Protein backbone atom coordinates (compact mmCIF):
# COMPACT_ATOMS: atom_id res chain seq x y z
CA MET A 1 25.30 10.44 142.97
CA SER A 2 21.61 11.29 143.19
CA GLN A 3 18.95 9.55 141.26
CA GLU A 4 18.06 12.67 139.22
CA SER A 5 21.65 13.16 138.16
CA GLN A 6 21.65 9.59 136.85
CA LYS A 7 18.44 10.22 134.79
CA VAL A 8 19.95 13.06 132.74
CA PRO A 9 22.53 11.00 130.82
CA SER A 10 20.03 8.32 130.11
CA GLN A 11 17.57 10.88 128.80
CA VAL A 12 20.30 12.40 126.70
CA PHE A 13 21.23 8.98 125.47
CA ARG A 14 17.65 8.18 124.56
CA TRP A 15 17.36 11.54 122.88
CA PHE A 16 20.43 10.86 120.84
CA GLU A 17 19.16 7.41 120.14
CA LYS A 18 15.89 8.85 118.99
CA MET A 19 17.68 11.45 116.88
CA LYS A 20 19.75 8.69 115.36
CA ASN A 21 16.70 6.62 114.57
CA ASN A 22 14.95 9.65 113.08
CA TYR A 23 18.04 10.45 111.03
CA GLU A 24 18.28 6.89 109.83
CA HIS A 25 14.59 6.88 108.90
CA SER A 26 15.04 10.19 107.17
CA ILE A 27 18.08 8.90 105.29
CA GLN A 28 16.22 5.73 104.35
CA GLY A 29 13.24 7.78 103.17
CA VAL A 30 15.49 9.98 101.10
CA LEU A 31 17.22 6.90 99.67
CA GLN A 32 13.88 5.27 98.92
CA ARG A 33 12.57 8.41 97.24
CA PHE A 34 15.83 8.68 95.31
CA GLU A 35 15.57 5.08 94.26
CA GLN A 36 11.94 5.55 93.25
CA TYR A 37 12.84 8.71 91.36
CA SER A 38 15.78 7.00 89.68
CA HIS A 39 13.60 4.05 88.83
CA SER A 40 10.86 6.23 87.38
CA GLN A 41 13.45 8.24 85.46
CA GLN A 42 14.99 5.05 84.15
CA LEU A 43 11.53 3.84 83.14
CA ARG A 44 10.88 7.09 81.30
CA ILE A 45 14.30 6.89 79.59
CA ASP A 46 13.75 3.23 78.73
CA GLN A 47 10.28 4.00 77.39
CA ALA A 48 11.62 6.95 75.39
CA ASN A 49 14.45 4.82 74.02
CA GLN A 50 12.09 1.96 73.24
CA SER A 51 9.69 4.36 71.55
CA HIS A 52 12.56 5.80 69.53
CA ILE A 53 13.75 2.30 68.66
CA ASP A 54 10.21 1.33 67.64
CA ASN A 55 9.95 4.45 65.50
CA LEU A 56 13.29 3.66 63.91
CA LYS A 57 12.16 0.07 63.28
CA GLN A 58 8.91 1.30 61.72
CA ALA A 59 10.75 3.85 59.60
CA HIS A 60 13.27 1.21 58.57
CA GLN A 61 10.45 -1.24 57.75
CA LYS A 62 8.66 1.42 55.71
CA HIS A 63 11.92 2.20 53.96
CA LEU A 64 12.42 -1.48 53.21
CA GLU A 65 8.85 -1.78 51.96
CA HIS A 66 9.33 1.30 49.80
CA GLN A 67 12.55 -0.13 48.41
CA ASP A 68 10.83 -3.47 47.76
CA ALA A 69 8.00 -1.62 46.01
CA GLN A 70 10.53 0.30 43.89
CA ILE A 71 12.40 -2.92 43.09
CA ASN A 72 9.14 -4.62 42.11
CA GLN A 73 8.17 -1.62 40.00
CA LEU A 74 11.57 -1.62 38.33
CA GLY A 75 11.20 -5.34 37.73
CA ASN A 76 7.78 -4.78 36.19
CA ASP A 77 9.18 -1.93 34.09
CA ILE A 78 12.05 -4.14 32.92
CA ASN A 79 9.63 -6.93 31.98
CA TYR A 80 7.38 -4.41 30.20
CA TYR A 81 10.25 -2.95 28.20
CA LYS A 82 11.52 -6.45 27.44
CA GLU A 83 8.08 -7.32 26.08
CA GLN A 84 8.01 -4.08 24.09
CA ILE A 85 11.49 -4.76 22.72
CA ALA A 86 10.46 -8.33 21.85
CA LYS A 87 7.32 -7.03 20.10
CA GLN A 88 9.34 -4.39 18.28
CA GLN A 89 11.90 -7.00 17.30
CA GLN A 90 9.09 -9.23 16.05
CA THR A 91 7.57 -6.30 14.17
CA ILE A 92 10.98 -5.46 12.70
CA GLU A 93 11.43 -9.08 11.64
CA GLN A 94 7.97 -9.06 10.06
CA LEU A 95 8.70 -5.77 8.32
CA ASN A 96 12.06 -7.10 7.18
CA GLY A 97 10.30 -10.21 5.87
CA ARG A 98 7.73 -8.09 4.06
CA TYR A 99 10.47 -5.80 2.79
CA ASP A 100 12.45 -8.78 1.52
CA ALA A 101 9.30 -10.21 -0.08
CA VAL A 102 8.44 -6.88 -1.70
CA MET A 103 12.01 -6.33 -2.86
CA SER A 104 12.12 -9.89 -4.16
CA CYS A 105 8.88 -9.32 -6.08
CA LEU A 106 10.14 -5.98 -7.39
CA LEU A 107 13.45 -7.53 -8.42
CA ASN A 108 11.63 -10.42 -10.06
CA GLU A 109 9.36 -7.99 -11.89
CA LYS A 110 12.36 -5.91 -12.86
CA ASN A 111 14.18 -9.00 -14.04
CA LYS A 112 11.11 -10.09 -15.97
CA LYS A 113 10.83 -6.70 -17.60
CA THR A 114 14.53 -6.67 -18.31
CA ASP A 115 14.35 -10.20 -19.68
CA ILE A 116 11.46 -9.25 -21.96
CA LYS A 117 13.32 -6.21 -23.26
CA ASP A 118 16.41 -8.31 -23.75
CA ILE A 119 14.45 -11.07 -25.43
CA PHE A 120 12.72 -8.67 -27.81
CA SER A 121 15.70 -6.49 -28.65
CA ASP A 122 15.45 -4.03 -31.52
CA ASP A 123 17.44 -6.20 -33.93
CA MET A 124 15.17 -9.21 -33.54
CA PHE A 125 12.84 -10.21 -36.37
CA GLU A 126 14.20 -7.32 -38.46
CA SER A 127 15.96 -6.88 -41.80
CA ASN A 128 18.83 -4.65 -42.77
CA PRO A 129 17.90 -1.21 -44.26
CA SER A 130 19.39 -2.20 -47.66
CA GLU A 131 17.31 -5.38 -47.61
CA LEU A 132 14.20 -3.33 -46.80
CA ILE A 133 14.74 -1.02 -49.79
CA GLU A 134 15.49 -3.94 -52.07
CA THR A 135 12.43 -5.86 -50.91
CA ILE A 136 10.13 -2.85 -51.22
CA THR A 137 11.50 -2.11 -54.71
CA THR A 138 11.05 -5.73 -55.69
CA SER A 139 7.54 -5.66 -54.29
CA THR A 140 6.71 -2.62 -56.42
CA LEU A 141 7.98 -4.38 -59.53
CA HIS A 142 5.96 -7.46 -58.75
CA LYS A 143 2.85 -5.36 -58.23
CA ASN A 144 3.31 -4.14 -61.77
CA LEU A 145 3.77 -7.72 -62.92
CA ASP A 146 0.74 -8.71 -60.92
CA ALA A 147 -1.50 -6.52 -63.06
CA THR A 148 -0.32 -8.43 -66.13
CA GLN A 149 -0.57 -11.85 -64.47
CA LYS A 150 -4.13 -11.21 -63.32
CA VAL A 151 -5.18 -11.32 -66.92
CA ASN A 152 -4.28 -14.99 -66.90
CA GLY A 153 -5.94 -15.44 -63.48
CA SER A 154 -2.88 -16.73 -61.52
CA VAL A 155 -0.24 -15.36 -59.08
CA SER A 156 2.94 -17.31 -58.37
CA HIS A 157 3.84 -18.66 -54.92
CA GLU A 158 7.22 -16.89 -55.14
CA ARG A 159 5.53 -13.51 -55.61
CA SER A 160 3.32 -14.18 -52.58
CA GLU A 161 6.36 -14.72 -50.40
CA ILE A 162 7.87 -11.48 -51.66
CA ASP A 163 4.65 -9.64 -50.79
CA ASP A 164 4.78 -11.13 -47.28
CA ASN A 165 8.33 -9.91 -46.89
CA ALA A 166 7.35 -6.51 -48.21
CA LEU A 167 4.55 -6.19 -45.64
CA PHE A 168 6.97 -7.22 -42.93
CA ASP A 169 9.64 -4.73 -44.03
CA GLN A 170 7.10 -1.94 -44.35
CA ALA A 171 5.95 -2.74 -40.81
CA ILE A 172 9.53 -2.52 -39.59
CA LEU A 173 9.93 0.91 -41.17
CA LYS A 174 6.64 2.03 -39.63
CA ARG A 175 7.76 0.85 -36.22
CA GLN A 176 11.14 2.54 -36.56
CA SER A 177 9.42 5.80 -37.46
CA GLY A 178 7.16 5.57 -34.40
CA GLU A 179 3.99 4.55 -36.23
CA ILE A 180 3.56 1.48 -34.06
CA GLU A 181 -0.19 0.97 -34.61
CA GLU A 182 0.23 0.93 -38.40
CA ALA A 183 3.25 -1.35 -37.93
CA PHE A 184 1.17 -3.79 -35.88
CA GLN A 185 -1.53 -3.92 -38.54
CA LEU A 186 1.06 -4.70 -41.22
CA PHE A 187 2.68 -7.38 -39.04
CA GLU A 188 -0.75 -8.92 -38.48
CA LYS A 189 -1.51 -9.03 -42.23
CA ALA A 190 1.82 -10.68 -43.01
CA ALA A 191 1.50 -13.10 -40.08
CA LYS A 192 -1.94 -14.22 -41.22
CA LEU A 193 -0.41 -14.89 -44.62
CA GLY A 194 2.02 -17.30 -42.91
CA HIS A 195 5.09 -15.05 -42.60
CA ALA A 196 7.12 -16.51 -39.70
CA LYS A 197 9.07 -13.34 -38.83
CA SER A 198 5.83 -11.39 -38.72
CA MET A 199 4.45 -13.98 -36.26
CA GLY A 200 7.52 -13.36 -34.10
CA ALA A 201 7.01 -9.61 -34.44
CA MET A 202 3.38 -10.08 -33.35
CA GLY A 203 4.69 -11.82 -30.22
CA ARG A 204 7.01 -8.91 -29.56
CA SER A 205 4.19 -6.38 -30.07
CA PHE A 206 1.93 -8.13 -27.55
CA PHE A 207 4.72 -8.52 -25.02
CA LEU A 208 5.84 -4.87 -25.18
CA GLY A 209 2.46 -3.31 -25.92
CA GLU A 210 3.62 -1.84 -29.23
CA GLY A 211 0.56 -0.73 -31.18
CA ILE A 212 -1.70 -3.07 -29.19
CA GLU A 213 -2.64 -3.64 -25.55
CA GLU A 214 0.03 -5.64 -23.70
CA ASN A 215 -0.88 -9.33 -23.42
CA HIS A 216 1.91 -11.78 -22.57
CA SER A 217 -0.22 -14.91 -23.04
CA LEU A 218 -1.23 -13.87 -26.54
CA GLY A 219 2.32 -12.70 -27.32
CA LEU A 220 3.77 -16.06 -26.32
CA ALA A 221 1.05 -17.85 -28.33
CA TRP A 222 2.25 -15.99 -31.44
CA LEU A 223 5.85 -16.89 -30.58
CA ILE A 224 4.84 -20.55 -30.29
CA HIS A 225 3.12 -20.26 -33.67
CA ALA A 226 6.33 -18.78 -35.14
CA ALA A 227 8.42 -21.50 -33.47
CA ASN A 228 6.21 -24.09 -35.11
CA GLN A 229 7.30 -22.48 -38.40
CA GLU A 230 10.89 -23.18 -37.27
CA LEU A 231 11.82 -19.53 -36.79
CA PRO A 232 15.10 -19.81 -34.78
CA GLN A 233 14.58 -16.66 -32.70
CA ALA A 234 11.07 -17.77 -31.74
CA VAL A 235 12.24 -21.30 -30.86
CA GLU A 236 14.88 -19.86 -28.55
CA ARG A 237 12.45 -17.49 -26.82
CA VAL A 238 9.73 -20.12 -26.42
CA LYS A 239 12.31 -22.40 -24.78
CA HIS A 240 13.19 -19.59 -22.37
CA PHE A 241 9.58 -19.09 -21.31
CA LYS A 242 8.97 -22.83 -21.08
CA GLU A 243 11.85 -23.18 -18.62
CA ASN A 244 11.23 -20.00 -16.60
CA GLU A 245 7.50 -19.18 -16.90
CA GLU A 246 5.69 -22.51 -16.79
CA LYS A 247 2.26 -21.05 -15.99
CA LEU A 248 2.48 -18.45 -18.76
CA TYR A 249 3.78 -21.07 -21.17
CA GLN A 250 0.85 -23.42 -20.48
CA GLU A 251 -1.66 -20.59 -20.93
CA ALA A 252 -0.02 -19.68 -24.23
CA ILE A 253 -0.03 -23.32 -25.43
CA ASN A 254 -3.78 -23.56 -24.80
CA LEU A 255 -4.35 -20.21 -26.47
CA ALA A 256 -2.21 -21.18 -29.49
CA GLU A 257 -4.22 -24.39 -29.94
CA GLN A 258 -7.45 -22.37 -29.99
CA LEU A 259 -6.15 -19.68 -32.37
CA PHE A 260 -3.93 -21.56 -34.81
CA SER A 261 -5.11 -25.18 -34.87
């Protein structure tokens, strides 16, 4: 075999060897580029996923913060309404206390007024109609006798008592007919003459404002004066005021000492 014929296979072999090496390099290059591409793609995916995760975390954190803010606001609202309810409850309690105090005062005043009306009922310190007529008739007769007795310059003590009773009975009739001012004047005349029932009637007049301006202290002073004359009705009423109206009773005692001592 010639030398040239031996060179051809070796050249072909080297060519194939070179082709193989080039192919391997090409394959390796493609693999490297693929790996680089895959790596870059994976990086982009990872970055996108991480960015999405970060966004979700931020959104979740904001949501949590918003919920916390709402919870805090609700807590503040609850505390505010609790304070308002407490204040309203306190106000209601104060109003209830004031209402109770006012109602108590009104009831006390009503009871006082009722007591006074009960104490000075229409049949107190009064005489029967037949007694009134008899007393007035007797008084008229004694007035006629008085003209005769004046000649001798004396008037009996018995006739004076009858005149006191007559003034009192006339005052009762005046009061029953609605002439309360005239009735008061007659009561006053008889009381100043020492007529005990008229003193009691004076007390009634001042307590109820019948024919005179209402004045409880002065009314009770007259009742005390009548009680000192041992008028049973006056004694009973003075005892009532002494036990239930100590301040008024003390004022009346002082006033009675000034007026009747």
